[in-house]
Amino acid sequence: MKDTLFILRPGFFSGGEGPFYCGDSVAVEGLLSFFPQLRSDVDVQYIDAPRPRRTIVELIGEANQSAPVIVLGNGQTVKDSTVDVREHNGTRFINAPDDIRRYLSSQYGVALAS
């Protein structure tokens, strides 16, 4: 299984206001834009903002449905030891945007952030 990256789809509404975009998702999307080869290495899924986000909940639980989040593929060995990898029922994931970008950069050999 590939790593699966979940990003909030832009243009969502909340409480009758909007449209909005998620700044954390934009930062991760920017990395994908700079290094489009990541899209072939990682399964990128755009999800709607309203909760519950069933696809994420099924993988890593209701308490971990924030986005962006990357769910690590089976057997994936994380190269950057500074990345905070969390776990839910044996499924590992990264949910901090800075850690997601650092993970993608180091894991897939693209430029590191300065």
N, C-alpha and C. Protein backbone atom coordinates (compact mmCIF):
# COMPACT_ATOMS: atom_id res chain seq x y z
N MET A 1 0.84 -1.19 0.00
CA MET A 1 0.00 0.00 0.00
C MET A 1 0.88 1.25 0.00
N LYS A 2 0.52 2.21 -0.84
CA LYS A 2 1.21 3.50 -0.87
C LYS A 2 0.82 4.33 0.34
N ASP A 3 1.64 5.34 0.62
CA ASP A 3 1.23 6.37 1.56
C ASP A 3 -0.01 7.06 0.97
N THR A 4 -0.94 7.43 1.84
CA THR A 4 -2.14 8.13 1.38
C THR A 4 -2.21 9.48 2.08
N LEU A 5 -2.23 10.53 1.29
CA LEU A 5 -2.28 11.91 1.79
C LEU A 5 -3.69 12.45 1.59
N PHE A 6 -4.30 12.91 2.67
CA PHE A 6 -5.62 13.52 2.61
C PHE A 6 -5.48 15.02 2.77
N ILE A 7 -6.06 15.76 1.83
CA ILE A 7 -6.01 17.22 1.82
C ILE A 7 -7.45 17.73 1.70
N LEU A 8 -7.76 18.79 2.44
CA LEU A 8 -9.10 19.37 2.33
C LEU A 8 -9.29 20.04 0.97
N ARG A 9 -10.42 19.74 0.37
CA ARG A 9 -10.80 20.36 -0.91
C ARG A 9 -11.11 21.84 -0.63
N PRO A 10 -10.57 22.76 -1.43
CA PRO A 10 -10.82 24.19 -1.19
C PRO A 10 -12.24 24.60 -1.58
N GLY A 11 -12.64 25.76 -1.07
CA GLY A 11 -13.93 26.33 -1.43
C GLY A 11 -15.07 25.84 -0.56
N PHE A 12 -14.75 25.41 0.67
CA PHE A 12 -15.81 24.91 1.55
C PHE A 12 -16.46 26.04 2.34
N PHE A 13 -17.65 25.77 2.83
CA PHE A 13 -18.42 26.72 3.62
C PHE A 13 -18.56 26.19 5.03
N SER A 14 -18.66 27.10 6.00
CA SER A 14 -18.84 26.71 7.39
C SER A 14 -19.76 27.73 8.06
N GLY A 15 -20.82 27.24 8.65
CA GLY A 15 -21.76 28.13 9.33
C GLY A 15 -22.33 29.21 8.43
N GLY A 16 -22.54 28.89 7.16
CA GLY A 16 -23.09 29.85 6.21
C GLY A 16 -22.09 30.86 5.70
N GLU A 17 -20.84 30.74 6.10
CA GLU A 17 -19.79 31.66 5.63
C GLU A 17 -18.82 30.91 4.73
N GLY A 18 -18.12 31.68 3.92
CA GLY A 18 -17.12 31.10 3.03
C GLY A 18 -17.27 31.70 1.66
N PRO A 19 -16.61 31.17 0.71
CA PRO A 19 -15.84 29.94 0.74
C PRO A 19 -14.50 30.11 1.45
N PHE A 20 -14.02 29.00 2.02
CA PHE A 20 -12.75 28.96 2.73
C PHE A 20 -11.79 27.97 2.07
N TYR A 21 -10.53 28.11 2.45
CA TYR A 21 -9.55 27.07 2.15
C TYR A 21 -8.76 26.84 3.43
N CYS A 22 -8.15 25.68 3.52
CA CYS A 22 -7.34 25.32 4.69
C CYS A 22 -5.89 25.71 4.42
N GLY A 23 -5.36 26.61 5.23
CA GLY A 23 -3.98 27.06 5.06
C GLY A 23 -2.96 25.94 5.18
N ASP A 24 -3.21 24.99 6.08
CA ASP A 24 -2.30 23.86 6.23
C ASP A 24 -2.32 22.97 4.99
N SER A 25 -3.50 22.78 4.41
CA SER A 25 -3.59 22.00 3.17
C SER A 25 -2.90 22.72 2.02
N VAL A 26 -3.02 24.05 1.99
CA VAL A 26 -2.35 24.83 0.94
C VAL A 26 -0.84 24.65 1.01
N ALA A 27 -0.29 24.64 2.21
CA ALA A 27 1.17 24.47 2.36
C ALA A 27 1.62 23.11 1.84
N VAL A 28 0.87 22.07 2.11
CA VAL A 28 1.22 20.73 1.61
C VAL A 28 1.00 20.68 0.10
N GLU A 29 -0.09 21.27 -0.36
CA GLU A 29 -0.38 21.33 -1.81
C GLU A 29 0.75 22.06 -2.55
N GLY A 30 1.31 23.09 -1.92
CA GLY A 30 2.43 23.81 -2.52
C GLY A 30 3.62 22.91 -2.75
N LEU A 31 3.93 22.03 -1.80
CA LEU A 31 5.03 21.08 -1.98
C LEU A 31 4.73 20.15 -3.15
N LEU A 32 3.49 19.69 -3.25
CA LEU A 32 3.10 18.83 -4.38
C LEU A 32 3.22 19.58 -5.71
N SER A 33 2.96 20.87 -5.68
CA SER A 33 3.08 21.68 -6.89
C SER A 33 4.55 21.84 -7.30
N PHE A 34 5.42 22.07 -6.33
CA PHE A 34 6.85 22.21 -6.61
C PHE A 34 7.46 20.91 -7.11
N PHE A 35 6.98 19.78 -6.59
CA PHE A 35 7.54 18.46 -6.92
C PHE A 35 6.42 17.52 -7.35
N PRO A 36 5.91 17.70 -8.58
CA PRO A 36 4.76 16.91 -9.03
C PRO A 36 5.00 15.40 -9.05
N GLN A 37 6.25 14.97 -9.05
CA GLN A 37 6.54 13.53 -9.02
C GLN A 37 6.00 12.88 -7.74
N LEU A 38 5.80 13.68 -6.70
CA LEU A 38 5.24 13.14 -5.46
C LEU A 38 3.84 12.56 -5.68
N ARG A 39 3.11 13.11 -6.64
CA ARG A 39 1.75 12.64 -6.91
C ARG A 39 1.73 11.20 -7.43
N SER A 40 2.82 10.76 -8.02
CA SER A 40 2.87 9.36 -8.47
C SER A 40 3.37 8.44 -7.35
N ASP A 41 4.09 9.00 -6.39
CA ASP A 41 4.61 8.21 -5.27
C ASP A 41 3.60 8.04 -4.14
N VAL A 42 2.70 9.01 -4.02
CA VAL A 42 1.75 9.06 -2.91
C VAL A 42 0.34 9.11 -3.48
N ASP A 43 -0.58 8.43 -2.85
CA ASP A 43 -1.99 8.49 -3.23
C ASP A 43 -2.57 9.76 -2.59
N VAL A 44 -2.87 10.77 -3.39
CA VAL A 44 -3.40 12.05 -2.89
C VAL A 44 -4.91 12.03 -3.04
N GLN A 45 -5.60 12.23 -1.93
CA GLN A 45 -7.06 12.26 -1.94
C GLN A 45 -7.55 13.58 -1.38
N TYR A 46 -8.43 14.23 -2.14
CA TYR A 46 -9.05 15.48 -1.69
C TYR A 46 -10.37 15.13 -1.04
N ILE A 47 -10.57 15.68 0.16
CA ILE A 47 -11.78 15.36 0.91
C ILE A 47 -12.55 16.62 1.25
N ASP A 48 -13.83 16.45 1.47
CA ASP A 48 -14.67 17.58 1.87
C ASP A 48 -14.45 17.90 3.34
N ALA A 49 -14.66 19.15 3.69
CA ALA A 49 -14.37 19.63 5.04
C ALA A 49 -15.33 19.14 6.11
N PRO A 50 -16.62 19.02 5.84
CA PRO A 50 -17.53 18.66 6.94
C PRO A 50 -17.16 17.33 7.61
N ARG A 51 -17.31 17.33 8.93
CA ARG A 51 -17.07 16.12 9.70
C ARG A 51 -18.39 15.39 9.91
N PRO A 52 -18.36 14.11 10.07
CA PRO A 52 -17.18 13.25 10.13
C PRO A 52 -16.61 12.99 8.73
N ARG A 53 -15.32 12.89 8.68
CA ARG A 53 -14.61 12.58 7.43
C ARG A 53 -14.39 11.07 7.41
N ARG A 54 -15.41 10.39 6.96
CA ARG A 54 -15.50 8.93 7.10
C ARG A 54 -14.27 8.18 6.61
N THR A 55 -13.72 8.57 5.49
CA THR A 55 -12.57 7.86 4.93
C THR A 55 -11.40 7.88 5.91
N ILE A 56 -11.17 9.04 6.53
CA ILE A 56 -10.08 9.15 7.50
C ILE A 56 -10.43 8.41 8.79
N VAL A 57 -11.66 8.58 9.25
CA VAL A 57 -12.11 7.94 10.49
C VAL A 57 -11.93 6.42 10.40
N GLU A 58 -12.27 5.84 9.25
CA GLU A 58 -12.13 4.38 9.07
C GLU A 58 -10.69 3.92 9.21
N LEU A 59 -9.74 4.77 8.84
CA LEU A 59 -8.32 4.40 8.88
C LEU A 59 -7.67 4.67 10.23
N ILE A 60 -7.94 5.88 10.80
CA ILE A 60 -7.18 6.28 11.98
C ILE A 60 -8.03 6.82 13.13
N GLY A 61 -9.33 6.62 13.07
CA GLY A 61 -10.20 6.95 14.19
C GLY A 61 -10.77 8.35 14.17
N GLU A 62 -11.88 8.50 14.84
CA GLU A 62 -12.61 9.77 14.88
C GLU A 62 -11.79 10.91 15.47
N ALA A 63 -10.96 10.62 16.45
CA ALA A 63 -10.16 11.66 17.10
C ALA A 63 -9.04 12.19 16.21
N ASN A 64 -8.78 11.52 15.09
CA ASN A 64 -7.64 11.87 14.23
C ASN A 64 -8.05 12.28 12.83
N GLN A 65 -9.24 12.86 12.68
CA GLN A 65 -9.76 13.15 11.35
C GLN A 65 -9.40 14.54 10.82
N SER A 66 -8.47 15.21 11.46
CA SER A 66 -8.01 16.50 10.94
C SER A 66 -7.28 16.29 9.62
N ALA A 67 -7.25 17.31 8.82
CA ALA A 67 -6.54 17.26 7.54
C ALA A 67 -5.77 18.56 7.38
N PRO A 68 -4.60 18.50 6.76
CA PRO A 68 -4.04 17.36 6.06
C PRO A 68 -3.52 16.30 7.02
N VAL A 69 -3.49 15.07 6.52
CA VAL A 69 -2.92 13.95 7.25
C VAL A 69 -2.40 12.95 6.21
N ILE A 70 -1.29 12.31 6.53
CA ILE A 70 -0.78 11.26 5.65
C ILE A 70 -0.77 9.96 6.43
N VAL A 71 -1.39 8.95 5.84
CA VAL A 71 -1.43 7.61 6.42
C VAL A 71 -0.32 6.82 5.74
N LEU A 72 0.58 6.29 6.55
CA LEU A 72 1.75 5.62 5.99
C LEU A 72 1.40 4.24 5.46
N GLY A 73 2.02 3.92 4.34
CA GLY A 73 1.85 2.61 3.75
C GLY A 73 2.45 1.53 4.64
N ASN A 74 1.97 0.32 4.49
CA ASN A 74 2.48 -0.80 5.28
C ASN A 74 3.97 -0.98 5.06
N GLY A 75 4.70 -1.14 6.16
CA GLY A 75 6.13 -1.39 6.07
C GLY A 75 6.98 -0.18 5.76
N GLN A 76 6.38 0.98 5.68
CA GLN A 76 7.15 2.20 5.38
C GLN A 76 8.08 2.53 6.55
N THR A 77 9.36 2.65 6.28
CA THR A 77 10.34 3.04 7.29
C THR A 77 10.61 4.53 7.14
N VAL A 78 10.34 5.28 8.18
CA VAL A 78 10.48 6.74 8.13
C VAL A 78 11.97 7.10 8.21
N LYS A 79 12.45 7.83 7.21
CA LYS A 79 13.87 8.18 7.13
C LYS A 79 14.26 9.33 8.06
N ASP A 80 13.35 10.26 8.33
CA ASP A 80 13.64 11.43 9.16
C ASP A 80 13.13 11.17 10.58
N SER A 81 14.05 10.97 11.50
CA SER A 81 13.67 10.63 12.87
C SER A 81 13.02 11.79 13.63
N THR A 82 13.05 13.00 13.08
CA THR A 82 12.42 14.14 13.75
C THR A 82 10.93 14.23 13.46
N VAL A 83 10.43 13.44 12.53
CA VAL A 83 9.02 13.46 12.17
C VAL A 83 8.22 12.71 13.23
N ASP A 84 7.16 13.35 13.72
CA ASP A 84 6.30 12.75 14.75
C ASP A 84 5.28 11.83 14.08
N VAL A 85 5.51 10.54 14.21
CA VAL A 85 4.60 9.53 13.65
C VAL A 85 3.69 9.03 14.76
N ARG A 86 2.40 9.09 14.51
CA ARG A 86 1.41 8.63 15.49
C ARG A 86 0.84 7.31 15.01
N GLU A 87 0.07 6.66 15.87
CA GLU A 87 -0.48 5.36 15.52
C GLU A 87 -1.88 5.19 16.08
N HIS A 88 -2.73 4.55 15.31
CA HIS A 88 -4.08 4.19 15.76
C HIS A 88 -4.37 2.77 15.29
N ASN A 89 -4.54 1.86 16.23
CA ASN A 89 -4.83 0.45 15.91
C ASN A 89 -3.86 -0.13 14.88
N GLY A 90 -2.58 0.20 15.04
CA GLY A 90 -1.56 -0.36 14.16
C GLY A 90 -1.34 0.41 12.87
N THR A 91 -2.16 1.42 12.61
CA THR A 91 -1.99 2.24 11.40
C THR A 91 -1.24 3.50 11.78
N ARG A 92 -0.13 3.73 11.11
CA ARG A 92 0.70 4.90 11.42
C ARG A 92 0.32 6.08 10.53
N PHE A 93 0.41 7.28 11.09
CA PHE A 93 0.04 8.48 10.35
C PHE A 93 0.82 9.67 10.88
N ILE A 94 0.83 10.72 10.06
CA ILE A 94 1.47 11.99 10.42
C ILE A 94 0.41 13.06 10.19
N ASN A 95 0.14 13.88 11.22
CA ASN A 95 -0.92 14.87 11.07
C ASN A 95 -0.48 16.31 11.31
N ALA A 96 0.79 16.55 11.51
CA ALA A 96 1.29 17.92 11.63
C ALA A 96 1.80 18.37 10.26
N PRO A 97 1.29 19.47 9.73
CA PRO A 97 1.67 19.89 8.37
C PRO A 97 3.18 20.01 8.15
N ASP A 98 3.92 20.57 9.12
CA ASP A 98 5.37 20.67 8.96
C ASP A 98 6.01 19.28 8.88
N ASP A 99 5.52 18.36 9.69
CA ASP A 99 6.05 16.99 9.66
C ASP A 99 5.68 16.28 8.36
N ILE A 100 4.48 16.54 7.86
CA ILE A 100 4.07 15.95 6.58
C ILE A 100 5.02 16.40 5.48
N ARG A 101 5.31 17.69 5.42
CA ARG A 101 6.21 18.21 4.38
C ARG A 101 7.62 17.66 4.57
N ARG A 102 8.09 17.61 5.81
CA ARG A 102 9.43 17.07 6.07
C ARG A 102 9.50 15.60 5.69
N TYR A 103 8.45 14.85 6.01
CA TYR A 103 8.39 13.44 5.66
C TYR A 103 8.43 13.26 4.14
N LEU A 104 7.57 13.99 3.42
CA LEU A 104 7.54 13.85 1.97
C LEU A 104 8.89 14.21 1.35
N SER A 105 9.51 15.26 1.85
CA SER A 105 10.80 15.69 1.31
C SER A 105 11.88 14.64 1.53
N SER A 106 11.98 14.14 2.73
CA SER A 106 13.05 13.18 3.03
C SER A 106 12.74 11.79 2.49
N GLN A 107 11.50 11.39 2.57
CA GLN A 107 11.12 10.03 2.18
C GLN A 107 11.24 9.82 0.67
N TYR A 108 10.92 10.86 -0.09
CA TYR A 108 10.87 10.73 -1.54
C TYR A 108 11.96 11.50 -2.26
N GLY A 109 12.93 12.00 -1.49
CA GLY A 109 14.14 12.55 -2.08
C GLY A 109 13.98 13.87 -2.81
N VAL A 110 13.00 14.68 -2.40
CA VAL A 110 12.89 16.02 -2.99
C VAL A 110 13.57 17.01 -2.05
N ALA A 111 13.73 18.24 -2.48
CA ALA A 111 14.45 19.24 -1.71
C ALA A 111 13.85 19.42 -0.32
N LEU A 112 14.73 19.69 0.64
CA LEU A 112 14.31 19.94 2.02
C LEU A 112 13.99 21.41 2.22
N ALA A 113 13.10 21.70 3.15
CA ALA A 113 12.77 23.09 3.47
C ALA A 113 13.93 23.74 4.21
N SER A 114 14.08 25.02 3.99
CA SER A 114 15.14 25.73 4.70
C SER A 114 14.58 26.44 5.91
